[in-house]
PDB file of N, CA and C in Angstrom:
ATOM      1  N   MET A   1     -11.344  20.593  29.486  1.00  0.00           N
ATOM      2  CA  MET A   1     -10.697  19.453  28.841  1.00  0.00           C
ATOM      3  C   MET A   1      -9.938  19.924  27.606  1.00  0.00           C
ATOM      4  N   SER A   2      -8.741  19.431  27.446  1.00  0.00           N
ATOM      5  CA  SER A   2      -7.973  19.786  26.251  1.00  0.00           C
ATOM      6  C   SER A   2      -8.303  18.823  25.112  1.00  0.00           C
ATOM      7  N   GLU A   3      -8.085  19.297  23.907  1.00  0.00           N
ATOM      8  CA  GLU A   3      -8.371  18.468  22.733  1.00  0.00           C
ATOM      9  C   GLU A   3      -7.271  17.425  22.560  1.00  0.00           C
ATOM     10  N   PRO A   4      -7.634  16.262  22.013  1.00  0.00           N
ATOM     11  CA  PRO A   4      -6.610  15.231  21.799  1.00  0.00           C
ATOM     12  C   PRO A   4      -5.600  15.697  20.746  1.00  0.00           C
ATOM     13  N   ALA A   5      -4.411  15.161  20.832  1.00  0.00           N
ATOM     14  CA  ALA A   5      -3.362  15.506  19.875  1.00  0.00           C
ATOM     15  C   ALA A   5      -3.765  15.035  18.483  1.00  0.00           C
ATOM     16  N   ARG A   6      -3.321  15.779  17.497  1.00  0.00           N
ATOM     17  CA  ARG A   6      -3.621  15.444  16.107  1.00  0.00           C
ATOM     18  C   ARG A   6      -2.904  14.143  15.722  1.00  0.00           C
ATOM     19  N   ALA A   7      -3.597  13.291  15.000  1.00  0.00           N
ATOM     20  CA  ALA A   7      -3.010  12.024  14.567  1.00  0.00           C
ATOM     21  C   ALA A   7      -1.895  12.276  13.560  1.00  0.00           C
ATOM     22  N   ARG A   8      -0.847  11.489  13.670  1.00  0.00           N
ATOM     23  CA  ARG A   8       0.277  11.610  12.747  1.00  0.00           C
ATOM     24  C   ARG A   8       0.293  10.414  11.812  1.00  0.00           C
ATOM     25  N   ALA A   9       0.733  10.635  10.597  1.00  0.00           N
ATOM     26  CA  ALA A   9       0.829   9.555   9.621  1.00  0.00           C
ATOM     27  C   ALA A   9       1.871   8.530  10.068  1.00  0.00           C
ATOM     28  N   VAL A  10       1.541   7.284   9.881  1.00  0.00           N
ATOM     29  CA  VAL A  10       2.461   6.215  10.252  1.00  0.00           C
ATOM     30  C   VAL A  10       3.405   5.913   9.083  1.00  0.00           C
ATOM     31  N   LEU A  11       2.866   5.971   7.866  1.00  0.00           N
ATOM     32  CA  LEU A  11       3.650   5.697   6.667  1.00  0.00           C
ATOM     33  C   LEU A  11       3.780   6.955   5.818  1.00  0.00           C
ATOM     34  N   SER A  12       4.933   7.135   5.244  1.00  0.00           N
ATOM     35  CA  SER A  12       5.150   8.279   4.358  1.00  0.00           C
ATOM     36  C   SER A  12       4.773   7.910   2.932  1.00  0.00           C
ATOM     37  N   THR A  13       4.732   8.894   2.066  1.00  0.00           N
ATOM     38  CA  THR A  13       4.463   8.662   0.649  1.00  0.00           C
ATOM     39  C   THR A  13       5.527   7.736   0.068  1.00  0.00           C
ATOM     40  N   GLU A  14       6.758   7.931   0.482  1.00  0.00           N
ATOM     41  CA  GLU A  14       7.852   7.073   0.008  1.00  0.00           C
ATOM     42  C   GLU A  14       7.637   5.626   0.454  1.00  0.00           C
ATOM     43  N   ASP A  15       7.117   5.424   1.664  1.00  0.00           N
ATOM     44  CA  ASP A  15       6.816   4.075   2.147  1.00  0.00           C
ATOM     45  C   ASP A  15       5.786   3.401   1.245  1.00  0.00           C
ATOM     46  N   PHE A  16       4.735   4.135   0.867  1.00  0.00           N
ATOM     47  CA  PHE A  16       3.714   3.574  -0.011  1.00  0.00           C
ATOM     48  C   PHE A  16       4.314   3.159  -1.346  1.00  0.00           C
ATOM     49  N   LYS A  17       5.235   3.972  -1.867  1.00  0.00           N
ATOM     50  CA  LYS A  17       5.874   3.635  -3.144  1.00  0.00           C
ATOM     51  C   LYS A  17       6.705   2.362  -3.023  1.00  0.00           C
ATOM     52  N   LEU A  18       7.458   2.244  -1.935  1.00  0.00           N
ATOM     53  CA  LEU A  18       8.288   1.053  -1.733  1.00  0.00           C
ATOM     54  C   LEU A  18       7.445  -0.208  -1.558  1.00  0.00           C
ATOM     55  N   ILE A  19       6.391  -0.115  -0.771  1.00  0.00           N
ATOM     56  CA  ILE A  19       5.506  -1.263  -0.565  1.00  0.00           C
ATOM     57  C   ILE A  19       4.824  -1.630  -1.878  1.00  0.00           C
ATOM     58  N   SER A  20       4.422  -0.625  -2.633  1.00  0.00           N
ATOM     59  CA  SER A  20       3.785  -0.858  -3.923  1.00  0.00           C
ATOM     60  C   SER A  20       4.736  -1.603  -4.868  1.00  0.00           C
ATOM     61  N   GLN A  21       6.008  -1.215  -4.892  1.00  0.00           N
ATOM     62  CA  GLN A  21       6.994  -1.895  -5.730  1.00  0.00           C
ATOM     63  C   GLN A  21       7.179  -3.349  -5.292  1.00  0.00           C
ATOM     64  N   ALA A  22       7.192  -3.586  -3.995  1.00  0.00           N
ATOM     65  CA  ALA A  22       7.348  -4.946  -3.475  1.00  0.00           C
ATOM     66  C   ALA A  22       6.145  -5.809  -3.850  1.00  0.00           C
ATOM     67  N   VAL A  23       4.953  -5.244  -3.755  1.00  0.00           N
ATOM     68  CA  VAL A  23       3.741  -5.986  -4.114  1.00  0.00           C
ATOM     69  C   VAL A  23       3.745  -6.288  -5.612  1.00  0.00           C
ATOM     70  N   LEU A  24       4.157  -5.323  -6.432  1.00  0.00           N
ATOM     71  CA  LEU A  24       4.232  -5.541  -7.872  1.00  0.00           C
ATOM     72  C   LEU A  24       5.231  -6.656  -8.193  1.00  0.00           C
ATOM     73  N   PHE A  25       6.377  -6.662  -7.523  1.00  0.00           N
ATOM     74  CA  PHE A  25       7.365  -7.719  -7.711  1.00  0.00           C
ATOM     75  C   PHE A  25       6.746  -9.083  -7.384  1.00  0.00           C
ATOM     76  N   TYR A  26       6.015  -9.154  -6.272  1.00  0.00           N
ATOM     77  CA  TYR A  26       5.349 -10.400  -5.874  1.00  0.00           C
ATOM     78  C   TYR A  26       4.330 -10.815  -6.933  1.00  0.00           C
ATOM     79  N   LEU A  27       3.545  -9.854  -7.424  1.00  0.00           N
ATOM     80  CA  LEU A  27       2.527 -10.168  -8.428  1.00  0.00           C
ATOM     81  C   LEU A  27       3.141 -10.775  -9.683  1.00  0.00           C
ATOM     82  N   LYS A  28       4.238 -10.212 -10.140  1.00  0.00           N
ATOM     83  CA  LYS A  28       4.885 -10.724 -11.347  1.00  0.00           C
ATOM     84  C   LYS A  28       5.440 -12.126 -11.133  1.00  0.00           C
ATOM     85  N   ALA A  29       5.906 -12.411  -9.931  1.00  0.00           N
ATOM     86  CA  ALA A  29       6.489 -13.721  -9.632  1.00  0.00           C
ATOM     87  C   ALA A  29       5.429 -14.789  -9.352  1.00  0.00           C
ATOM     88  N   HIS A  30       4.205 -14.365  -8.985  1.00  0.00           N
ATOM     89  CA  HIS A  30       3.154 -15.317  -8.587  1.00  0.00           C
ATOM     90  C   HIS A  30       1.842 -15.041  -9.330  1.00  0.00           C
ATOM     91  N   GLU A  31       1.940 -14.831 -10.631  1.00  0.00           N
ATOM     92  CA  GLU A  31       0.765 -14.462 -11.417  1.00  0.00           C
ATOM     93  C   GLU A  31      -0.370 -15.480 -11.327  1.00  0.00           C
ATOM     94  N   ASP A  32      -0.032 -16.757 -11.233  1.00  0.00           N
ATOM     95  CA  ASP A  32      -1.055 -17.802 -11.247  1.00  0.00           C
ATOM     96  C   ASP A  32      -1.578 -18.168  -9.866  1.00  0.00           C
ATOM     97  N   SER A  33      -1.102 -17.493  -8.856  1.00  0.00           N
ATOM     98  CA  SER A  33      -1.532 -17.777  -7.491  1.00  0.00           C
ATOM     99  C   SER A  33      -2.971 -17.319  -7.278  1.00  0.00           C
ATOM    100  N   PRO A  34      -3.761 -18.113  -6.551  1.00  0.00           N
ATOM    101  CA  PRO A  34      -5.142 -17.697  -6.256  1.00  0.00           C
ATOM    102  C   PRO A  34      -5.194 -16.385  -5.450  1.00  0.00           C
ATOM    103  N   GLU A  35      -4.154 -16.103  -4.676  1.00  0.00           N
ATOM    104  CA  GLU A  35      -4.131 -14.879  -3.880  1.00  0.00           C
ATOM    105  C   GLU A  35      -3.713 -13.655  -4.685  1.00  0.00           C
ATOM    106  N   SER A  36      -3.342 -13.841  -5.939  1.00  0.00           N
ATOM    107  CA  SER A  36      -2.858 -12.718  -6.740  1.00  0.00           C
ATOM    108  C   SER A  36      -3.915 -11.628  -6.894  1.00  0.00           C
ATOM    109  N   VAL A  37      -5.185 -12.006  -6.847  1.00  0.00           N
ATOM    110  CA  VAL A  37      -6.266 -11.011  -6.944  1.00  0.00           C
ATOM    111  C   VAL A  37      -6.223 -10.079  -5.726  1.00  0.00           C
ATOM    112  N   LYS A  38      -6.001 -10.641  -4.561  1.00  0.00           N
ATOM    113  CA  LYS A  38      -5.912  -9.826  -3.344  1.00  0.00           C
ATOM    114  C   LYS A  38      -4.721  -8.877  -3.410  1.00  0.00           C
ATOM    115  N   PHE A  39      -3.601  -9.386  -3.904  1.00  0.00           N
ATOM    116  CA  PHE A  39      -2.412  -8.548  -4.016  1.00  0.00           C
ATOM    117  C   PHE A  39      -2.580  -7.477  -5.083  1.00  0.00           C
ATOM    118  N   SER A  40      -3.289  -7.812  -6.146  1.00  0.00           N
ATOM    119  CA  SER A  40      -3.567  -6.827  -7.186  1.00  0.00           C
ATOM    120  C   SER A  40      -4.430  -5.693  -6.632  1.00  0.00           C
ATOM    121  N   ASN A  41      -5.432  -6.040  -5.856  1.00  0.00           N
ATOM    122  CA  ASN A  41      -6.285  -5.019  -5.226  1.00  0.00           C
ATOM    123  C   ASN A  41      -5.475  -4.153  -4.264  1.00  0.00           C
ATOM    124  N   LEU A  42      -4.585  -4.782  -3.498  1.00  0.00           N
ATOM    125  CA  LEU A  42      -3.718  -4.042  -2.581  1.00  0.00           C
ATOM    126  C   LEU A  42      -2.816  -3.085  -3.356  1.00  0.00           C
ATOM    127  N   TYR A  43      -2.270  -3.555  -4.461  1.00  0.00           N
ATOM    128  CA  TYR A  43      -1.390  -2.720  -5.288  1.00  0.00           C
ATOM    129  C   TYR A  43      -2.125  -1.462  -5.756  1.00  0.00           C
ATOM    130  N   HIS A  44      -3.360  -1.621  -6.189  1.00  0.00           N
ATOM    131  CA  HIS A  44      -4.135  -0.471  -6.660  1.00  0.00           C
ATOM    132  C   HIS A  44      -4.519   0.468  -5.512  1.00  0.00           C
ATOM    133  N   ARG A  45      -4.837  -0.091  -4.352  1.00  0.00           N
ATOM    134  CA  ARG A  45      -5.142   0.756  -3.193  1.00  0.00           C
ATOM    135  C   ARG A  45      -3.916   1.546  -2.757  1.00  0.00           C
ATOM    136  N   LEU A  46      -2.748   0.917  -2.782  1.00  0.00           N
ATOM    137  CA  LEU A  46      -1.519   1.606  -2.407  1.00  0.00           C
ATOM    138  C   LEU A  46      -1.226   2.753  -3.380  1.00  0.00           C
ATOM    139  N   GLY A  47      -1.497   2.526  -4.652  1.00  0.00           N
ATOM    140  CA  GLY A  47      -1.273   3.562  -5.648  1.00  0.00           C
ATOM    141  C   GLY A  47      -2.170   4.767  -5.425  1.00  0.00           C
ATOM    142  N   SER A  48      -3.414   4.512  -5.075  1.00  0.00           N
ATOM    143  CA  SER A  48      -4.329   5.628  -4.839  1.00  0.00           C
ATOM    144  C   SER A  48      -3.998   6.332  -3.536  1.00  0.00           C
ATOM    145  N   ALA A  49      -3.495   5.610  -2.545  1.00  0.00           N
ATOM    146  CA  ALA A  49      -3.135   6.225  -1.264  1.00  0.00           C
ATOM    147  C   ALA A  49      -1.878   7.086  -1.412  1.00  0.00           C
ATOM    148  N   ALA A  50      -0.961   6.662  -2.260  1.00  0.00           N
ATOM    149  CA  ALA A  50       0.285   7.420  -2.439  1.00  0.00           C
ATOM    150  C   ALA A  50       0.032   8.720  -3.160  1.00  0.00           C
ATOM    151  N   GLY A  51      -1.031   8.799  -3.926  1.00  0.00           N
ATOM    152  CA  GLY A  51      -1.337  10.017  -4.667  1.00  0.00           C
ATOM    153  C   GLY A  51      -2.005  11.087  -3.841  1.00  0.00           C
ATOM    154  N   ARG A  52      -2.323  10.796  -2.610  1.00  0.00           N
ATOM    155  CA  ARG A  52      -3.019  11.784  -1.743  1.00  0.00           C
ATOM    156  C   ARG A  52      -2.101  12.861  -1.295  1.00  0.00           C
TER     157      ARG A  52
END
C-alpha cells in the first residue's frame, strides 16, 4: 500500500492577513453587536494562525 498524499494548505499566509483585515473592519463597524465577541475571538485566532 502506498502512503496517502501529503495534505496541502488551503489558505496562504496572505489569505489569513486579508481575512483578518476584513474581520477587523467588521469589528470596528459593529462594536456593540452581541456577535462582536465571536468575531474578536476569530480575529485573534487568525492572527496566531498567520504567524505560523
